[in-house]
C-alpha atoms as a PDB file:
ATOM      1  CA  MET A   1      20.663   4.134  27.257  1.00  0.00           C
ATOM      2  CA  PRO A   2      18.738   0.856  27.326  1.00  0.00           C
ATOM      3  CA  LEU A   3      15.394   0.896  25.536  1.00  0.00           C
ATOM      4  CA  ARG A   4      12.248  -1.204  25.624  1.00  0.00           C
ATOM      5  CA  ILE A   5      12.019  -2.707  22.142  1.00  0.00           C
ATOM      6  CA  ALA A   6       9.236  -4.727  20.519  1.00  0.00           C
ATOM      7  CA  ILE A   7      10.236  -7.091  17.723  1.00  0.00           C
ATOM      8  CA  GLY A   8       8.359  -9.305  15.298  1.00  0.00           C
ATOM      9  CA  SER A   9       8.743 -11.085  11.990  1.00  0.00           C
ATOM     10  CA  ASP A  10       7.195 -13.510   9.610  1.00  0.00           C
ATOM     11  CA  HIS A  11       8.888 -16.747   8.574  1.00  0.00           C
ATOM     12  CA  ALA A  12      11.071 -14.974   5.997  1.00  0.00           C
ATOM     13  CA  GLY A  13      12.595 -12.709   8.657  1.00  0.00           C
ATOM     14  CA  PHE A  14      12.773 -15.214  11.499  1.00  0.00           C
ATOM     15  CA  ARG A  15      16.518 -15.951  11.356  1.00  0.00           C
ATOM     16  CA  TYR A  16      17.552 -12.283  11.433  1.00  0.00           C
ATOM     17  CA  LYS A  17      14.984 -11.577  14.173  1.00  0.00           C
ATOM     18  CA  GLU A  18      16.673 -14.119  16.390  1.00  0.00           C
ATOM     19  CA  ALA A  19      20.122 -12.630  15.703  1.00  0.00           C
ATOM     20  CA  ILE A  20      18.853  -9.101  16.373  1.00  0.00           C
ATOM     21  CA  LYS A  21      17.236 -10.192  19.650  1.00  0.00           C
ATOM     22  CA  THR A  22      20.580 -11.597  20.796  1.00  0.00           C
ATOM     23  CA  LEU A  23      22.333  -8.337  19.869  1.00  0.00           C
ATOM     24  CA  LEU A  24      19.740  -6.187  21.625  1.00  0.00           C
ATOM     25  CA  GLN A  25      19.800  -8.226  24.811  1.00  0.00           C
ATOM     26  CA  ALA A  26      23.619  -8.213  24.854  1.00  0.00           C
ATOM     27  CA  ASP A  27      23.484  -4.402  24.580  1.00  0.00           C
ATOM     28  CA  GLY A  28      21.198  -4.234  27.642  1.00  0.00           C
ATOM     29  CA  HIS A  29      17.872  -3.516  25.950  1.00  0.00           C
ATOM     30  CA  THR A  30      14.602  -5.078  27.103  1.00  0.00           C
ATOM     31  CA  VAL A  31      13.117  -7.033  24.201  1.00  0.00           C
ATOM     32  CA  HIS A  32       9.615  -8.411  23.769  1.00  0.00           C
ATOM     33  CA  ASP A  33       9.231 -10.859  20.872  1.00  0.00           C
ATOM     34  CA  PHE A  34       5.791 -10.865  19.275  1.00  0.00           C
ATOM     35  CA  GLY A  35       6.704 -13.852  17.062  1.00  0.00           C
ATOM     36  CA  THR A  36       6.794 -15.744  14.828  1.00  0.00           C
ATOM     37  CA  ASP A  37       8.630 -18.596  16.510  1.00  0.00           C
ATOM     38  CA  SER A  38       9.923 -20.491  13.466  1.00  0.00           C
ATOM     39  CA  ASP A  39      10.540 -20.316   9.744  1.00  0.00           C
ATOM     40  CA  ALA A  40       7.257 -22.129   9.021  1.00  0.00           C
ATOM     41  CA  PRO A  41       5.123 -20.117   6.556  1.00  0.00           C
ATOM     42  CA  CYS A  42       2.810 -17.603   8.213  1.00  0.00           C
ATOM     43  CA  ASP A  43       1.042 -14.295   7.518  1.00  0.00           C
ATOM     44  CA  TYR A  44       3.154 -11.272   8.478  1.00  0.00           C
ATOM     45  CA  PRO A  45       0.274  -8.976   9.576  1.00  0.00           C
ATOM     46  CA  ASP A  46      -0.467 -11.377  12.441  1.00  0.00           C
ATOM     47  CA  PHE A  47       2.923 -10.598  13.981  1.00  0.00           C
ATOM     48  CA  ILE A  48       3.674  -7.077  12.763  1.00  0.00           C
ATOM     49  CA  ARG A  49       0.428  -5.334  13.728  1.00  0.00           C
ATOM     50  CA  PRO A  50       0.772  -6.214  17.451  1.00  0.00           C
ATOM     51  CA  VAL A  51       4.321  -4.794  17.469  1.00  0.00           C
ATOM     52  CA  ALA A  52       3.121  -1.514  15.944  1.00  0.00           C
ATOM     53  CA  GLN A  53       0.121  -1.288  18.249  1.00  0.00           C
ATOM     54  CA  ALA A  54       2.305  -1.791  21.324  1.00  0.00           C
ATOM     55  CA  VAL A  55       4.739   0.912  20.178  1.00  0.00           C
ATOM     56  CA  ALA A  56       1.841   3.274  19.404  1.00  0.00           C
ATOM     57  CA  ARG A  57       0.416   2.707  22.905  1.00  0.00           C
ATOM     58  CA  GLY A  58       3.780   3.663  24.401  1.00  0.00           C
ATOM     59  CA  GLU A  59       4.539   0.242  25.867  1.00  0.00           C
ATOM     60  CA  PHE A  60       7.845   0.229  23.930  1.00  0.00           C
ATOM     61  CA  GLU A  61      10.068   3.086  22.765  1.00  0.00           C
ATOM     62  CA  ARG A  62      10.939   1.392  19.480  1.00  0.00           C
ATOM     63  CA  GLY A  63       9.860  -1.497  17.298  1.00  0.00           C
ATOM     64  CA  ILE A  64      11.736  -3.644  14.804  1.00  0.00           C
ATOM     65  CA  VAL A  65       9.966  -5.807  12.223  1.00  0.00           C
ATOM     66  CA  LEU A  66      11.353  -8.172   9.624  1.00  0.00           C
ATOM     67  CA  GLY A  67      10.254 -10.085   6.565  1.00  0.00           C
ATOM     68  CA  GLY A  68      11.603 -11.168   3.230  1.00  0.00           C
ATOM     69  CA  SER A  69      11.737  -7.661   1.758  1.00  0.00           C
ATOM     70  CA  GLY A  70      10.467  -5.637   4.709  1.00  0.00           C
ATOM     71  CA  ASN A  71       7.967  -3.856   2.469  1.00  0.00           C
ATOM     72  CA  GLY A  72       4.769  -5.510   3.658  1.00  0.00           C
ATOM     73  CA  GLU A  73       5.911  -5.229   7.247  1.00  0.00           C
ATOM     74  CA  ALA A  74       6.450  -1.464   6.920  1.00  0.00           C
ATOM     75  CA  MET A  75       3.054  -1.102   5.228  1.00  0.00           C
ATOM     76  CA  VAL A  76       1.252  -2.911   8.051  1.00  0.00           C
ATOM     77  CA  ALA A  77       3.066  -0.944  10.747  1.00  0.00           C
ATOM     78  CA  ASN A  78       2.418   2.402   9.067  1.00  0.00           C
ATOM     79  CA  ARG A  79      -1.341   1.771   9.097  1.00  0.00           C
ATOM     80  CA  ILE A  80      -1.232   2.303  12.870  1.00  0.00           C
ATOM     81  CA  ARG A  81      -1.649   5.941  13.921  1.00  0.00           C
ATOM     82  CA  GLY A  82       1.500   7.324  15.515  1.00  0.00           C
ATOM     83  CA  ILE A  83       3.848   4.864  13.858  1.00  0.00           C
ATOM     84  CA  ARG A  84       6.607   5.993  11.534  1.00  0.00           C
ATOM     85  CA  CYS A  85       8.150   2.766  10.299  1.00  0.00           C
ATOM     86  CA  ALA A  86      11.151   3.083   8.002  1.00  0.00           C
ATOM     87  CA  LEU A  87      12.259   0.370   5.601  1.00  0.00           C
ATOM     88  CA  CYS A  88      16.048   0.557   5.737  1.00  0.00           C
ATOM     89  CA  TRP A  89      18.611  -1.154   3.532  1.00  0.00           C
ATOM     90  CA  SER A  90      21.733   0.763   4.542  1.00  0.00           C
ATOM     91  CA  GLU A  91      23.198   2.517   7.553  1.00  0.00           C
ATOM     92  CA  GLN A  92      22.771   5.911   5.865  1.00  0.00           C
ATOM     93  CA  VAL A  93      19.059   5.330   5.235  1.00  0.00           C
ATOM     94  CA  ALA A  94      18.702   4.285   8.888  1.00  0.00           C
ATOM     95  CA  ILE A  95      20.402   7.500  10.022  1.00  0.00           C
ATOM     96  CA  TRP A  96      18.083   9.635   7.883  1.00  0.00           C
ATOM     97  CA  SER A  97      15.035   7.744   9.129  1.00  0.00           C
ATOM     98  CA  ARG A  98      15.896   8.843  12.659  1.00  0.00           C
ATOM     99  CA  THR A  99      17.404  12.317  12.116  1.00  0.00           C
ATOM    100  CA  HIS A 100      14.780  13.504   9.626  1.00  0.00           C
ATOM    101  CA  ASN A 101      11.713  11.338  10.283  1.00  0.00           C
ATOM    102  CA  ASP A 102      11.988  10.349  13.961  1.00  0.00           C
ATOM    103  CA  ALA A 103      11.172   6.780  12.919  1.00  0.00           C
ATOM    104  CA  ASN A 104       9.934   4.786  15.902  1.00  0.00           C
ATOM    105  CA  MET A 105       9.935   1.515  13.981  1.00  0.00           C
ATOM    106  CA  LEU A 106      12.468  -0.118  11.697  1.00  0.00           C
ATOM    107  CA  SER A 107      11.664  -2.641   8.975  1.00  0.00           C
ATOM    108  CA  LEU A 108      14.316  -4.918   7.484  1.00  0.00           C
ATOM    109  CA  GLY A 109      14.264  -7.453   4.658  1.00  0.00           C
ATOM    110  CA  GLN A 110      16.171 -10.666   5.315  1.00  0.00           C
ATOM    111  CA  ARG A 111      16.297 -11.408   1.583  1.00  0.00           C
ATOM    112  CA  THR A 112      17.736  -7.979   0.698  1.00  0.00           C
ATOM    113  CA  ILE A 113      20.706  -7.455   3.053  1.00  0.00           C
ATOM    114  CA  THR A 114      23.254  -9.605   4.848  1.00  0.00           C
ATOM    115  CA  GLU A 115      22.918 -10.440   8.513  1.00  0.00           C
ATOM    116  CA  ALA A 116      25.977  -8.292   9.283  1.00  0.00           C
ATOM    117  CA  GLU A 117      24.347  -5.358   7.464  1.00  0.00           C
ATOM    118  CA  ALA A 118      21.102  -5.881   9.388  1.00  0.00           C
ATOM    119  CA  LEU A 119      22.909  -5.842  12.731  1.00  0.00           C
ATOM    120  CA  ALA A 120      24.865  -2.715  11.771  1.00  0.00           C
ATOM    121  CA  ILE A 121      21.661  -0.975  10.670  1.00  0.00           C
ATOM    122  CA  VAL A 122      19.952  -1.830  13.960  1.00  0.00           C
ATOM    123  CA  ARG A 123      22.866  -0.497  15.991  1.00  0.00           C
ATOM    124  CA  ILE A 124      23.096   2.812  14.120  1.00  0.00           C
ATOM    125  CA  TRP A 125      19.308   3.237  14.078  1.00  0.00           C
ATOM    126  CA  LEU A 126      19.068   2.800  17.832  1.00  0.00           C
ATOM    127  CA  LYS A 127      21.819   5.278  18.667  1.00  0.00           C
ATOM    128  CA  THR A 128      20.809   7.997  16.183  1.00  0.00           C
ATOM    129  CA  GLU A 129      18.823  10.885  17.656  1.00  0.00           C
ATOM    130  CA  PHE A 130      16.059  12.910  16.001  1.00  0.00           C
ATOM    131  CA  GLU A 131      17.408  16.223  14.693  1.00  0.00           C
ATOM    132  CA  GLY A 132      14.270  18.254  15.422  1.00  0.00           C
ATOM    133  CA  GLY A 133      14.185  21.745  13.942  1.00  0.00           C
ATOM    134  CA  ARG A 134      12.606  21.982  10.491  1.00  0.00           C
ATOM    135  CA  HIS A 135      11.733  18.288  10.655  1.00  0.00           C
ATOM    136  CA  VAL A 136       9.239  18.745  13.505  1.00  0.00           C
ATOM    137  CA  ARG A 137       6.620  20.437  11.314  1.00  0.00           C
ATOM    138  CA  ARG A 138       6.984  17.649   8.763  1.00  0.00           C
ATOM    139  CA  ILE A 139       6.431  14.985  11.410  1.00  0.00           C
ATOM    140  CA  GLU A 140       3.334  16.894  12.549  1.00  0.00           C
ATOM    141  CA  LYS A 141       2.043  16.817   8.968  1.00  0.00           C
ATOM    142  CA  ILE A 142       2.648  13.049   8.771  1.00  0.00           C
ATOM    143  CA  ASP A 143       0.549  12.614  11.907  1.00  0.00           C
ATOM    144  CA  GLU A 144      -2.355  14.769  10.639  1.00  0.00           C
ATOM    145  CA  GLU A 145      -5.512  12.899   9.767  1.00  0.00           C
ATOM    146  CA  ALA A 146      -6.213  12.581   6.068  1.00  0.00           C
END
């Protein structure tokens, strides 16, 4: 089923972002790119926060963000209420992020995995469904205000 997907990166994730956009569009998804538009140095929050905000507002079903490690990108996204952004470095971690955590955003590090691994992670993450059951109460606890 085609999804509406928001995507964004900083300069250190730009190359993989472009490859992932091509993959997503070829698979029939609607993709909105929040930038950046080159590998020129920039500040990742400027591009990641708008992705997370758009997903949180329900404008997109999923979001994908990229950087050098993916850590800062996940941190920025997870500051937005309603976002569960998972930093994934393998297909298995991507599966768990969906089945157990109902992750609505994926963060990837261009400096930590190969492009082929990134594309495989995106594909498995998009097709994996949330398991529900015992995980629902845990998701509700994540979404509680501190």
